Amino acid sequence: TRTRVALSPATARAVLRGDVRSWAGLGEPAGRLRVVAAPGS
């Protein structure tokens, strides 16, 4: 149901480093961002 589904490469890499902790950092309304990663990430 999320409609804003596009990021810059820099923002995507920040997510992968664990530097983004809120949905506000992805251009969505503020809220805690929970990240679940598969092995090998």
PDB file of all heavy atoms in Angstrom:
ATOM      1  N   THR A   1       0.807  -1.220   0.000  1.00  0.00           N
ATOM      2  CA  THR A   1       0.000   0.000   0.000  1.00  0.00           C
ATOM      3  C   THR A   1       0.841   1.271   0.000  1.00  0.00           C
ATOM      4  O   THR A   1       0.273   2.375  -0.053  1.00  0.00           O
ATOM      5  CB  THR A   1      -0.933   0.033   1.216  1.00  0.00           C
ATOM      6  OG1 THR A   1      -0.144   0.079   2.415  1.00  0.00           O
ATOM      7  CG2 THR A   1      -1.839  -1.192   1.244  1.00  0.00           C
ATOM      8  N   ARG A   2       2.151   1.165   0.054  1.00  0.00           N
ATOM      9  CA  ARG A   2       2.991   2.368   0.005  1.00  0.00           C
ATOM     10  C   ARG A   2       3.132   2.815  -1.449  1.00  0.00           C
ATOM     11  O   ARG A   2       3.439   2.009  -2.326  1.00  0.00           O
ATOM     12  CB  ARG A   2       4.357   2.115   0.642  1.00  0.00           C
ATOM     13  CG  ARG A   2       4.270   1.992   2.159  1.00  0.00           C
ATOM     14  CD  ARG A   2       5.603   2.145   2.832  1.00  0.00           C
ATOM     15  NE  ARG A   2       5.470   2.120   4.282  1.00  0.00           N
ATOM     16  CZ  ARG A   2       5.258   3.193   5.042  1.00  0.00           C
ATOM     17  NH1 ARG A   2       5.169   4.384   4.468  1.00  0.00           N
ATOM     18  NH2 ARG A   2       5.133   3.077   6.345  1.00  0.00           N
ATOM     19  N   THR A   3       2.924   4.104  -1.684  1.00  0.00           N
ATOM     20  CA  THR A   3       2.908   4.607  -3.051  1.00  0.00           C
ATOM     21  C   THR A   3       4.221   5.257  -3.463  1.00  0.00           C
ATOM     22  O   THR A   3       4.521   5.332  -4.645  1.00  0.00           O
ATOM     23  CB  THR A   3       1.772   5.634  -3.229  1.00  0.00           C
ATOM     24  OG1 THR A   3       1.911   6.677  -2.262  1.00  0.00           O
ATOM     25  CG2 THR A   3       0.421   4.958  -3.058  1.00  0.00           C
ATOM     26  N   ARG A   4       4.996   5.760  -2.529  1.00  0.00           N
ATOM     27  CA  ARG A   4       6.264   6.402  -2.869  1.00  0.00           C
ATOM     28  C   ARG A   4       7.357   5.335  -2.837  1.00  0.00           C
ATOM     29  O   ARG A   4       7.879   4.989  -1.780  1.00  0.00           O
ATOM     30  CB  ARG A   4       6.590   7.530  -1.893  1.00  0.00           C
ATOM     31  CG  ARG A   4       7.754   8.412  -2.344  1.00  0.00           C
ATOM     32  CD  ARG A   4       8.038   9.475  -1.293  1.00  0.00           C
ATOM     33  NE  ARG A   4       6.904  10.351  -1.088  1.00  0.00           N
ATOM     34  CZ  ARG A   4       6.654  11.433  -1.823  1.00  0.00           C
ATOM     35  NH1 ARG A   4       7.463  11.758  -2.813  1.00  0.00           N
ATOM     36  NH2 ARG A   4       5.606  12.192  -1.563  1.00  0.00           N
ATOM     37  N   VAL A   5       7.702   4.802  -3.991  1.00  0.00           N
ATOM     38  CA  VAL A   5       8.596   3.647  -4.024  1.00  0.00           C
ATOM     39  C   VAL A   5       9.770   3.914  -4.961  1.00  0.00           C
ATOM     40  O   VAL A   5      10.085   3.115  -5.836  1.00  0.00           O
ATOM     41  CB  VAL A   5       7.843   2.372  -4.457  1.00  0.00           C
ATOM     42  CG1 VAL A   5       6.954   1.865  -3.355  1.00  0.00           C
ATOM     43  CG2 VAL A   5       7.034   2.622  -5.723  1.00  0.00           C
ATOM     44  N   ALA A   6      10.444   5.045  -4.761  1.00  0.00           N
ATOM     45  CA  ALA A   6      11.626   5.368  -5.559  1.00  0.00           C
ATOM     46  C   ALA A   6      12.626   6.097  -4.670  1.00  0.00           C
ATOM     47  O   ALA A   6      12.258   6.999  -3.909  1.00  0.00           O
ATOM     48  CB  ALA A   6      11.256   6.228  -6.762  1.00  0.00           C
ATOM     49  N   LEU A   7      13.896   5.696  -4.758  1.00  0.00           N
ATOM     50  CA  LEU A   7      14.955   6.310  -3.971  1.00  0.00           C
ATOM     51  C   LEU A   7      16.150   6.609  -4.864  1.00  0.00           C
ATOM     52  O   LEU A   7      16.364   5.954  -5.883  1.00  0.00           O
ATOM     53  CB  LEU A   7      15.401   5.380  -2.836  1.00  0.00           C
ATOM     54  CG  LEU A   7      14.366   4.992  -1.778  1.00  0.00           C
ATOM     55  CD1 LEU A   7      14.975   3.994  -0.808  1.00  0.00           C
ATOM     56  CD2 LEU A   7      13.856   6.225  -1.037  1.00  0.00           C
ATOM     57  N   SER A   8      16.950   7.568  -4.456  1.00  0.00           N
ATOM     58  CA  SER A   8      18.224   7.800  -5.121  1.00  0.00           C
ATOM     59  C   SER A   8      19.195   6.703  -4.701  1.00  0.00           C
ATOM     60  O   SER A   8      19.043   6.094  -3.634  1.00  0.00           O
ATOM     61  CB  SER A   8      18.792   9.160  -4.732  1.00  0.00           C
ATOM     62  OG  SER A   8      19.183   9.142  -3.355  1.00  0.00           O
ATOM     63  N   PRO A   9      20.225   6.431  -5.514  1.00  0.00           N
ATOM     64  CA  PRO A   9      21.228   5.439  -5.084  1.00  0.00           C
ATOM     65  C   PRO A   9      21.862   5.788  -3.742  1.00  0.00           C
ATOM     66  O   PRO A   9      22.120   4.895  -2.921  1.00  0.00           O
ATOM     67  CB  PRO A   9      22.244   5.466  -6.222  1.00  0.00           C
ATOM     68  CG  PRO A   9      21.450   5.884  -7.428  1.00  0.00           C
ATOM     69  CD  PRO A   9      20.450   6.880  -6.886  1.00  0.00           C
ATOM     70  N   ALA A  10      22.109   7.064  -3.490  1.00  0.00           N
ATOM     71  CA  ALA A  10      22.741   7.455  -2.222  1.00  0.00           C
ATOM     72  C   ALA A  10      21.835   7.137  -1.039  1.00  0.00           C
ATOM     73  O   ALA A  10      22.296   6.624  -0.008  1.00  0.00           O
ATOM     74  CB  ALA A  10      23.076   8.950  -2.252  1.00  0.00           C
ATOM     75  N   THR A  11      20.540   7.419  -1.166  1.00  0.00           N
ATOM     76  CA  THR A  11      19.619   7.113  -0.068  1.00  0.00           C
ATOM     77  C   THR A  11      19.494   5.610   0.125  1.00  0.00           C
ATOM     78  O   THR A  11      19.451   5.119   1.257  1.00  0.00           O
ATOM     79  CB  THR A  11      18.237   7.732  -0.347  1.00  0.00           C
ATOM     80  OG1 THR A  11      18.376   9.142  -0.508  1.00  0.00           O
ATOM     81  CG2 THR A  11      17.280   7.449   0.792  1.00  0.00           C
ATOM     82  N   ALA A  12      19.427   4.862  -0.973  1.00  0.00           N
ATOM     83  CA  ALA A  12      19.327   3.409  -0.859  1.00  0.00           C
ATOM     84  C   ALA A  12      20.551   2.841  -0.153  1.00  0.00           C
ATOM     85  O   ALA A  12      20.435   1.952   0.706  1.00  0.00           O
ATOM     86  CB  ALA A  12      19.178   2.784  -2.246  1.00  0.00           C
ATOM     87  N   ARG A  13      21.734   3.342  -0.488  1.00  0.00           N
ATOM     88  CA  ARG A  13      22.946   2.850   0.190  1.00  0.00           C
ATOM     89  C   ARG A  13      22.958   3.248   1.664  1.00  0.00           C
ATOM     90  O   ARG A  13      23.454   2.491   2.514  1.00  0.00           O
ATOM     91  CB  ARG A  13      24.186   3.376  -0.534  1.00  0.00           C
ATOM     92  CG  ARG A  13      24.458   2.656  -1.855  1.00  0.00           C
ATOM     93  CD  ARG A  13      25.829   3.004  -2.400  1.00  0.00           C
ATOM     94  NE  ARG A  13      25.864   4.347  -2.940  1.00  0.00           N
ATOM     95  CZ  ARG A  13      25.599   4.676  -4.195  1.00  0.00           C
ATOM     96  NH1 ARG A  13      25.261   3.731  -5.055  1.00  0.00           N
ATOM     97  NH2 ARG A  13      25.677   5.925  -4.604  1.00  0.00           N
ATOM     98  N   ALA A  14      22.399   4.416   1.986  1.00  0.00           N
ATOM     99  CA  ALA A  14      22.296   4.816   3.398  1.00  0.00           C
ATOM    100  C   ALA A  14      21.392   3.850   4.163  1.00  0.00           C
ATOM    101  O   ALA A  14      21.673   3.503   5.317  1.00  0.00           O
ATOM    102  CB  ALA A  14      21.774   6.251   3.495  1.00  0.00           C
ATOM    103  N   VAL A  15      20.313   3.406   3.527  1.00  0.00           N
ATOM    104  CA  VAL A  15      19.443   2.406   4.162  1.00  0.00           C
ATOM    105  C   VAL A  15      20.228   1.128   4.410  1.00  0.00           C
ATOM    106  O   VAL A  15      20.168   0.529   5.490  1.00  0.00           O
ATOM    107  CB  VAL A  15      18.212   2.122   3.290  1.00  0.00           C
ATOM    108  CG1 VAL A  15      17.405   0.949   3.860  1.00  0.00           C
ATOM    109  CG2 VAL A  15      17.330   3.363   3.178  1.00  0.00           C
ATOM    110  N   LEU A  16      21.010   0.698   3.413  1.00  0.00           N
ATOM    111  CA  LEU A  16      21.757  -0.550   3.548  1.00  0.00           C
ATOM    112  C   LEU A  16      22.864  -0.459   4.585  1.00  0.00           C
ATOM    113  O   LEU A  16      23.272  -1.472   5.147  1.00  0.00           O
ATOM    114  CB  LEU A  16      22.339  -0.949   2.187  1.00  0.00           C
ATOM    115  CG  LEU A  16      21.314  -1.305   1.096  1.00  0.00           C
ATOM    116  CD1 LEU A  16      22.018  -1.609  -0.221  1.00  0.00           C
ATOM    117  CD2 LEU A  16      20.452  -2.469   1.525  1.00  0.00           C
ATOM    118  N   ARG A  17      23.348   0.736   4.846  1.00  0.00           N
ATOM    119  CA  ARG A  17      24.361   0.913   5.899  1.00  0.00           C
ATOM    120  C   ARG A  17      23.728   0.973   7.284  1.00  0.00           C
ATOM    121  O   ARG A  17      24.425   0.945   8.294  1.00  0.00           O
ATOM    122  CB  ARG A  17      25.149   2.203   5.666  1.00  0.00           C
ATOM    123  CG  ARG A  17      26.106   2.175   4.493  1.00  0.00           C
ATOM    124  CD  ARG A  17      27.077   3.355   4.574  1.00  0.00           C
ATOM    125  NE  ARG A  17      26.380   4.637   4.628  1.00  0.00           N
ATOM    126  CZ  ARG A  17      26.065   5.385   3.570  1.00  0.00           C
ATOM    127  NH1 ARG A  17      26.388   4.952   2.353  1.00  0.00           N
ATOM    128  NH2 ARG A  17      25.444   6.534   3.714  1.00  0.00           N
ATOM    129  N   GLY A  18      22.403   1.105   7.334  1.00  0.00           N
ATOM    130  CA  GLY A  18      21.728   1.247   8.611  1.00  0.00           C
ATOM    131  C   GLY A  18      21.669   2.673   9.103  1.00  0.00           C
ATOM    132  O   GLY A  18      21.394   2.911  10.284  1.00  0.00           O
ATOM    133  N   ASP A  19      21.889   3.659   8.200  1.00  0.00           N
ATOM    134  CA  ASP A  19      21.915   5.064   8.606  1.00  0.00           C
ATOM    135  C   ASP A  19      20.545   5.726   8.591  1.00  0.00           C
ATOM    136  O   ASP A  19      20.412   6.866   9.029  1.00  0.00           O
ATOM    137  CB  ASP A  19      22.858   5.854   7.682  1.00  0.00           C
ATOM    138  CG  ASP A  19      24.310   5.410   7.830  1.00  0.00           C
ATOM    139  OD1 ASP A  19      24.636   4.805   8.879  1.00  0.00           O
ATOM    140  OD2 ASP A  19      25.097   5.667   6.905  1.00  0.00           O
ATOM    141  N   VAL A  20      19.544   5.068   8.032  1.00  0.00           N
ATOM    142  CA  VAL A  20      18.200   5.651   7.960  1.00  0.00           C
ATOM    143  C   VAL A  20      17.309   4.901   8.948  1.00  0.00           C
ATOM    144  O   VAL A  20      17.125   3.686   8.834  1.00  0.00           O
ATOM    145  CB  VAL A  20      17.619   5.554   6.538  1.00  0.00           C
ATOM    146  CG1 VAL A  20      16.212   6.147   6.498  1.00  0.00           C
ATOM    147  CG2 VAL A  20      18.527   6.270   5.538  1.00  0.00           C
ATOM    148  N   ARG A  21      16.765   5.619   9.907  1.00  0.00           N
ATOM    149  CA  ARG A  21      15.985   4.977  10.966  1.00  0.00           C
ATOM    150  C   ARG A  21      14.504   5.368  10.945  1.00  0.00           C
ATOM    151  O   ARG A  21      13.723   4.831  11.723  1.00  0.00           O
ATOM    152  CB  ARG A  21      16.581   5.332  12.330  1.00  0.00           C
ATOM    153  CG  ARG A  21      18.044   4.909  12.493  1.00  0.00           C
ATOM    154  CD  ARG A  21      18.211   3.413  12.350  1.00  0.00           C
ATOM    155  NE  ARG A  21      19.590   2.987  12.500  1.00  0.00           N
ATOM    156  CZ  ARG A  21      20.144   2.639  13.650  1.00  0.00           C
ATOM    157  NH1 ARG A  21      19.424   2.684  14.761  1.00  0.00           N
ATOM    158  NH2 ARG A  21      21.406   2.275  13.704  1.00  0.00           N
ATOM    159  N   SER A  22      14.124   6.311  10.076  1.00  0.00           N
ATOM    160  CA  SER A  22      12.746   6.784  10.038  1.00  0.00           C
ATOM    161  C   SER A  22      12.253   6.809   8.601  1.00  0.00           C
ATOM    162  O   SER A  22      13.035   7.023   7.663  1.00  0.00           O
ATOM    163  CB  SER A  22      12.652   8.186  10.643  1.00  0.00           C
ATOM    164  OG  SER A  22      11.383   8.760  10.385  1.00  0.00           O
ATOM    165  N   TRP A  23      10.945   6.609   8.416  1.00  0.00           N
ATOM    166  CA  TRP A  23      10.355   6.697   7.083  1.00  0.00           C
ATOM    167  C   TRP A  23      10.482   8.100   6.516  1.00  0.00           C
ATOM    168  O   TRP A  23      10.464   8.288   5.289  1.00  0.00           O
ATOM    169  CB  TRP A  23       8.887   6.272   7.131  1.00  0.00           C
ATOM    170  CG  TRP A  23       8.746   4.792   7.200  1.00  0.00           C
ATOM    171  CD1 TRP A  23       8.502   4.034   8.309  1.00  0.00           C
ATOM    172  CD2 TRP A  23       8.849   3.872   6.108  1.00  0.00           C
ATOM    173  NE1 TRP A  23       8.458   2.706   7.987  1.00  0.00           N
ATOM    174  CE2 TRP A  23       8.660   2.581   6.633  1.00  0.00           C
ATOM    175  CE3 TRP A  23       9.085   4.016   4.745  1.00  0.00           C
ATOM    176  CZ2 TRP A  23       8.703   1.435   5.851  1.00  0.00           C
ATOM    177  CZ3 TRP A  23       9.130   2.889   3.944  1.00  0.00           C
ATOM    178  CH2 TRP A  23       8.940   1.613   4.494  1.00  0.00           C
ATOM    179  N   ALA A  24      10.627   9.096   7.380  1.00  0.00           N
ATOM    180  CA  ALA A  24      10.806  10.466   6.892  1.00  0.00           C
ATOM    181  C   ALA A  24      12.061  10.569   6.030  1.00  0.00           C
ATOM    182  O   ALA A  24      12.113  11.363   5.089  1.00  0.00           O
ATOM    183  CB  ALA A  24      10.869  11.447   8.067  1.00  0.00           C
ATOM    184  N   GLY A  25      13.066   9.764   6.327  1.00  0.00           N
ATOM    185  CA  GLY A  25      14.285   9.770   5.529  1.00  0.00           C
ATOM    186  C   GLY A  25      14.097   9.200   4.137  1.00  0.00           C
ATOM    187  O   GLY A  25      14.971   9.331   3.281  1.00  0.00           O
ATOM    188  N   LEU A  26      12.934   8.579   3.897  1.00  0.00           N
ATOM    189  CA  LEU A  26      12.622   8.024   2.579  1.00  0.00           C
ATOM    190  C   LEU A  26      11.516   8.814   1.888  1.00  0.00           C
ATOM    191  O   LEU A  26      10.949   8.365   0.889  1.00  0.00           O
ATOM    192  CB  LEU A  26      12.192   6.554   2.721  1.00  0.00           C
ATOM    193  CG  LEU A  26      13.174   5.634   3.443  1.00  0.00           C
ATOM    194  CD1 LEU A  26      12.633   4.213   3.487  1.00  0.00           C
ATOM    195  CD2 LEU A  26      14.529   5.666   2.768  1.00  0.00           C
ATOM    196  N   GLY A  27      11.204  10.005   2.443  1.00  0.00           N
ATOM    197  CA  GLY A  27      10.181  10.831   1.828  1.00  0.00           C
ATOM    198  C   GLY A  27       8.771  10.448   2.190  1.00  0.00           C
ATOM    199  O   GLY A  27       7.817  10.950   1.584  1.00  0.00           O
ATOM    200  N   GLU A  28       8.597   9.581   3.165  1.00  0.00           N
ATOM    201  CA  GLU A  28       7.273   9.154   3.619  1.00  0.00           C
ATOM    202  C   GLU A  28       6.936   9.874   4.925  1.00  0.00           C
ATOM    203  O   GLU A  28       7.816  10.450   5.572  1.00  0.00           O
ATOM    204  CB  GLU A  28       7.257   7.645   3.848  1.00  0.00           C
ATOM    205  CG  GLU A  28       7.383   6.810   2.584  1.00  0.00           C
ATOM    206  CD  GLU A  28       6.038   6.563   1.952  1.00  0.00           C
ATOM    207  OE1 GLU A  28       5.290   5.681   2.407  1.00  0.00           O
ATOM    208  OE2 GLU A  28       5.714   7.291   0.997  1.00  0.00           O
ATOM    209  N   PRO A  29       5.682   9.861   5.347  1.00  0.00           N
ATOM    210  CA  PRO A  29       5.357  10.436   6.656  1.00  0.00           C
ATOM    211  C   PRO A  29       6.214   9.812   7.749  1.00  0.00           C
ATOM    212  O   PRO A  29       6.559   8.632   7.691  1.00  0.00           O
ATOM    213  CB  PRO A  29       3.872  10.083   6.834  1.00  0.00           C
ATOM    214  CG  PRO A  29       3.345   9.980   5.436  1.00  0.00           C
ATOM    215  CD  PRO A  29       4.475   9.395   4.626  1.00  0.00           C
ATOM    216  N   ALA A  30       6.553  10.613   8.741  1.00  0.00           N
ATOM    217  CA  ALA A  30       7.460  10.158   9.790  1.00  0.00           C
ATOM    218  C   ALA A  30       6.905   8.935  10.495  1.00  0.00           C
ATOM    219  O   ALA A  30       5.703   8.771  10.659  1.00  0.00           O
ATOM    220  CB  ALA A  30       7.699  11.287  10.793  1.00  0.00           C
ATOM    221  N   GLY A  31       7.799   8.085  10.903  1.00  0.00           N
ATOM    222  CA  GLY A  31       7.458   6.871  11.626  1.00  0.00           C
ATOM    223  C   GLY A  31       8.688   5.992  11.715  1.00  0.00           C
ATOM    224  O   GLY A  31       9.608   6.091  10.893  1.00  0.00           O
ATOM    225  N   ARG A  32       8.750   5.141  12.740  1.00  0.00           N
ATOM    226  CA  ARG A  32       9.916   4.287  12.933  1.00  0.00           C
ATOM    227  C   ARG A  32      10.059   3.309  11.774  1.00  0.00           C
ATOM    228  O   ARG A  32       9.098   2.662  11.372  1.00  0.00           O
ATOM    229  CB  ARG A  32       9.804   3.516  14.244  1.00  0.00           C
ATOM    230  CG  ARG A  32      11.048   2.678  14.567  1.00  0.00           C
ATOM    231  CD  ARG A  32      10.841   1.895  15.845  1.00  0.00           C
ATOM    232  NE  ARG A  32       9.887   0.820  15.671  1.00  0.00           N
ATOM    233  CZ  ARG A  32      10.220  -0.410  15.220  1.00  0.00           C
ATOM    234  NH1 ARG A  32      11.472  -0.675  14.888  1.00  0.00           N
ATOM    235  NH2 ARG A  32       9.300  -1.346  15.113  1.00  0.00           N
ATOM    236  N   LEU A  33      11.248   3.225  11.232  1.00  0.00           N
ATOM    237  CA  LEU A  33      11.551   2.322  10.126  1.00  0.00           C
ATOM    238  C   LEU A  33      12.181   1.050  10.684  1.00  0.00           C
ATOM    239  O   LEU A  33      13.257   1.085  11.285  1.00  0.00           O
ATOM    240  CB  LEU A  33      12.501   2.985   9.131  1.00  0.00           C
ATOM    241  CG  LEU A  33      13.024   2.111   8.000  1.00  0.00           C
ATOM    242  CD1 LEU A  33      11.894   1.697   7.073  1.00  0.00           C
ATOM    243  CD2 LEU A  33      14.108   2.845   7.209  1.00  0.00           C
ATOM    244  N   ARG A  34      11.510  -0.052  10.489  1.00  0.00           N
ATOM    245  CA  ARG A  34      12.040  -1.351  10.891  1.00  0.00           C
ATOM    246  C   ARG A  34      12.591  -2.036   9.642  1.00  0.00           C
ATOM    247  O   ARG A  34      11.899  -2.152   8.638  1.00  0.00           O
ATOM    248  CB  ARG A  34      10.947  -2.197  11.523  1.00  0.00           C
ATOM    249  CG  ARG A  34      11.365  -3.626  11.867  1.00  0.00           C
ATOM    250  CD  ARG A  34      10.143  -4.471  12.183  1.00  0.00           C
ATOM    251  NE  ARG A  34      10.487  -5.863  12.472  1.00  0.00           N
ATOM    252  CZ  ARG A  34       9.620  -6.862  12.352  1.00  0.00           C
ATOM    253  NH1 ARG A  34       8.372  -6.640  11.957  1.00  0.00           N
ATOM    254  NH2 ARG A  34      10.004  -8.104  12.631  1.00  0.00           N
ATOM    255  N   VAL A  35      13.845  -2.474   9.678  1.00  0.00           N
ATOM    256  CA  VAL A  35      14.472  -3.129   8.532  1.00  0.00           C
ATOM    257  C   VAL A  35      14.759  -4.585   8.889  1.00  0.00           C
ATOM    258  O   VAL A  35      15.375  -4.877   9.921  1.00  0.00           O
ATOM    259  CB  VAL A  35      15.785  -2.422   8.119  1.00  0.00           C
ATOM    260  CG1 VAL A  35      16.424  -3.137   6.933  1.00  0.00           C
ATOM    261  CG2 VAL A  35      15.504  -0.964   7.759  1.00  0.00           C
ATOM    262  N   VAL A  36      14.294  -5.489   8.042  1.00  0.00           N
ATOM    263  CA  VAL A  36      14.554  -6.920   8.197  1.00  0.00           C
ATOM    264  C   VAL A  36      15.331  -7.364   6.968  1.00  0.00           C
ATOM    265  O   VAL A  36      14.897  -7.127   5.833  1.00  0.00           O
ATOM    266  CB  VAL A  36      13.247  -7.719   8.328  1.00  0.00           C
ATOM    267  CG1 VAL A  36      13.532  -9.207   8.459  1.00  0.00           C
ATOM    268  CG2 VAL A  36      12.432  -7.216   9.522  1.00  0.00           C
ATOM    269  N   ALA A  37      16.476  -7.993   7.172  1.00  0.00           N
ATOM    270  CA  ALA A  37      17.366  -8.314   6.070  1.00  0.00           C
ATOM    271  C   ALA A  37      17.605  -9.811   5.964  1.00  0.00           C
ATOM    272  O   ALA A  37      17.748 -10.512   6.973  1.00  0.00           O
ATOM    273  CB  ALA A  37      18.703  -7.590   6.239  1.00  0.00           C
ATOM    274  N   ALA A  38      17.653 -10.298   4.730  1.00  0.00           N
ATOM    275  CA  ALA A  38      17.961 -11.699   4.471  1.00  0.00           C
ATOM    276  C   ALA A  38      19.453 -11.945   4.638  1.00  0.00           C
ATOM    277  O   ALA A  38      20.263 -11.021   4.560  1.00  0.00           O
ATOM    278  CB  ALA A  38      17.535 -12.067   3.053  1.00  0.00           C
ATOM    279  N   PRO A  39      19.871 -13.195   4.860  1.00  0.00           N
ATOM    280  CA  PRO A  39      21.297 -13.504   4.946  1.00  0.00           C
ATOM    281  C   PRO A  39      22.014 -13.047   3.683  1.00  0.00           C
ATOM    282  O   PRO A  39      21.503 -13.152   2.573  1.00  0.00           O
ATOM    283  CB  PRO A  39      21.316 -15.030   5.072  1.00  0.00           C
ATOM    284  CG  PRO A  39      19.978 -15.388   5.617  1.00  0.00           C
ATOM    285  CD  PRO A  39      19.025 -14.383   5.049  1.00  0.00           C
ATOM    286  N   GLY A  40      23.226 -12.544   3.857  1.00  0.00           N
ATOM    287  CA  GLY A  40      23.995 -12.085   2.718  1.00  0.00           C
ATOM    288  C   GLY A  40      23.856 -10.607   2.461  1.00  0.00           C
ATOM    289  O   GLY A  40      24.567 -10.049   1.636  1.00  0.00           O
ATOM    290  N   SER A  41      22.934  -9.940   3.169  1.00  0.00           N
ATOM    291  CA  SER A  41      22.790  -8.506   3.001  1.00  0.00           C
ATOM    292  C   SER A  41      23.956  -7.786   3.683  1.00  0.00           C
ATOM    293  O   SER A  41      24.587  -8.334   4.596  1.00  0.00           O
ATOM    294  CB  SER A  41      21.468  -8.038   3.609  1.00  0.00           C
ATOM    295  OG  SER A  41      20.388  -8.689   2.985  1.00  0.00           O
TER     296      SER A  41
END
